[in-house]
C-alpha atoms as a PDB file:
ATOM      1  CA  MET A   1      -0.161   0.070   0.087  1.00  0.00           C
ATOM      2  CA  ILE A   2       1.465   3.467  -0.787  1.00  0.00           C
ATOM      3  CA  LEU A   3       0.567   6.345   1.711  1.00  0.00           C
ATOM      4  CA  PRO A   4       0.506   9.914   1.365  1.00  0.00           C
ATOM      5  CA  GLU A   5       3.458  11.174   2.713  1.00  0.00           C
ATOM      6  CA  GLY A   6       1.515  13.323   5.546  1.00  0.00           C
ATOM      7  CA  LEU A   7      -0.075  10.438   6.865  1.00  0.00           C
ATOM      8  CA  VAL A   8       3.247   8.472   7.646  1.00  0.00           C
ATOM      9  CA  LYS A   9       4.338  12.150   9.384  1.00  0.00           C
ATOM     10  CA  GLU A  10       1.054  12.509  11.071  1.00  0.00           C
ATOM     11  CA  VAL A  11       1.194   8.875  12.474  1.00  0.00           C
ATOM     12  CA  GLN A  12       5.007   9.744  13.556  1.00  0.00           C
ATOM     13  CA  LEU A  13       3.889  12.565  15.385  1.00  0.00           C
ATOM     14  CA  LEU A  14       1.228  10.571  16.703  1.00  0.00           C
ATOM     15  CA  LEU A  15       3.712   7.754  18.210  1.00  0.00           C
ATOM     16  CA  SER A  16       6.084   9.809  19.325  1.00  0.00           C
ATOM     17  CA  GLN A  17       3.315  11.137  21.853  1.00  0.00           C
ATOM     18  CA  ASP A  18       2.747   7.574  22.658  1.00  0.00           C
ATOM     19  CA  LYS A  19      -0.946   7.500  21.016  1.00  0.00           C
ATOM     20  CA  LYS A  20      -0.943   3.799  19.236  1.00  0.00           C
ATOM     21  CA  VAL A  21      -4.186   3.727  19.028  1.00  0.00           C
ATOM     22  CA  ALA A  22      -4.904   7.174  17.515  1.00  0.00           C
ATOM     23  CA  ALA A  23      -2.667   6.216  15.083  1.00  0.00           C
ATOM     24  CA  ILE A  24      -3.798   2.830  14.165  1.00  0.00           C
ATOM     25  CA  GLU A  25      -7.419   4.725  13.943  1.00  0.00           C
ATOM     26  CA  LEU A  26      -6.028   7.261  11.664  1.00  0.00           C
ATOM     27  CA  VAL A  27      -4.560   4.749   9.113  1.00  0.00           C
ATOM     28  CA  HIS A  28      -7.610   2.782   9.377  1.00  0.00           C
ATOM     29  CA  THR A  29      -9.882   5.598   8.653  1.00  0.00           C
ATOM     30  CA  LEU A  30      -8.355   7.482   6.017  1.00  0.00           C
ATOM     31  CA  THR A  31      -6.946   4.528   3.992  1.00  0.00           C
ATOM     32  CA  LYS A  32     -10.324   2.161   4.406  1.00  0.00           C
ATOM     33  CA  SER A  33      -7.694  -0.987   5.000  1.00  0.00           C
ATOM     34  CA  GLY A  34      -8.797  -3.573   7.840  1.00  0.00           C
ATOM     35  CA  LEU A  35      -7.399  -3.221  11.647  1.00  0.00           C
ATOM     36  CA  LYS A  36      -5.108  -5.677  11.206  1.00  0.00           C
ATOM     37  CA  GLU A  37      -3.742  -3.626   8.232  1.00  0.00           C
ATOM     38  CA  SER A  38      -3.357  -0.644   9.743  1.00  0.00           C
ATOM     39  CA  PHE A  39      -1.791  -2.100  12.778  1.00  0.00           C
ATOM     40  CA  GLU A  40       1.214  -3.530  10.890  1.00  0.00           C
ATOM     41  CA  ILE A  41       1.248  -0.525   8.961  1.00  0.00           C
ATOM     42  CA  VAL A  42       1.834   1.789  12.226  1.00  0.00           C
ATOM     43  CA  GLY A  43       3.864  -0.785  13.705  1.00  0.00           C
ATOM     44  CA  LYS A  44       6.299  -0.888   9.942  1.00  0.00           C
ATOM     45  CA  ILE A  45       6.325   3.136  10.747  1.00  0.00           C
ATOM     46  CA  SER A  46       7.422   2.805  14.878  1.00  0.00           C
ATOM     47  CA  ARG A  47      10.386   0.609  13.508  1.00  0.00           C
ATOM     48  CA  GLY A  48      11.619   2.690  10.775  1.00  0.00           C
ATOM     49  CA  GLU A  49      10.850   0.208   8.352  1.00  0.00           C
ATOM     50  CA  SER A  50      10.516   1.627   4.786  1.00  0.00           C
ATOM     51  CA  ILE A  51       6.978   2.232   3.986  1.00  0.00           C
ATOM     52  CA  SER A  52       6.050   3.379   0.677  1.00  0.00           C
ATOM     53  CA  THR A  53       4.855   6.571   0.141  1.00  0.00           C
ATOM     54  CA  VAL A  54       3.342   9.542  -2.238  1.00  0.00           C
ATOM     55  CA  GLU A  55       3.155  12.742  -1.407  1.00  0.00           C
ATOM     56  CA  THR A  56      -0.754  14.165  -1.819  1.00  0.00           C
ATOM     57  CA  GLU A  57      -0.577  16.339  -4.509  1.00  0.00           C
ATOM     58  CA  ASP A  58       0.559  13.266  -6.691  1.00  0.00           C
ATOM     59  CA  ILE A  59      -2.821  11.758  -5.907  1.00  0.00           C
ATOM     60  CA  ASP A  60      -5.748  11.712  -8.683  1.00  0.00           C
ATOM     61  CA  ARG A  61      -8.782  13.026  -6.921  1.00  0.00           C
END
C-alpha cells in the first residue's frame, strides 16, 4: 500500500506522543484498510521500516 507522505508524518507524531491506538485509527480511517493491516502499517512506521509514500498532490482525486 502506498501512503500519503503527510499521513506517515502524522502517524510518527502520534507515536512520539505514545498514541499508538490513535495512529492505528487514523490509518484505518484514511486508508479504508482493515484494522490488522492498519496495525501492521503503524508497526512498520514505529520500527522505522520502509513505507511507500506519495506526496498528496500526486494523488488523483
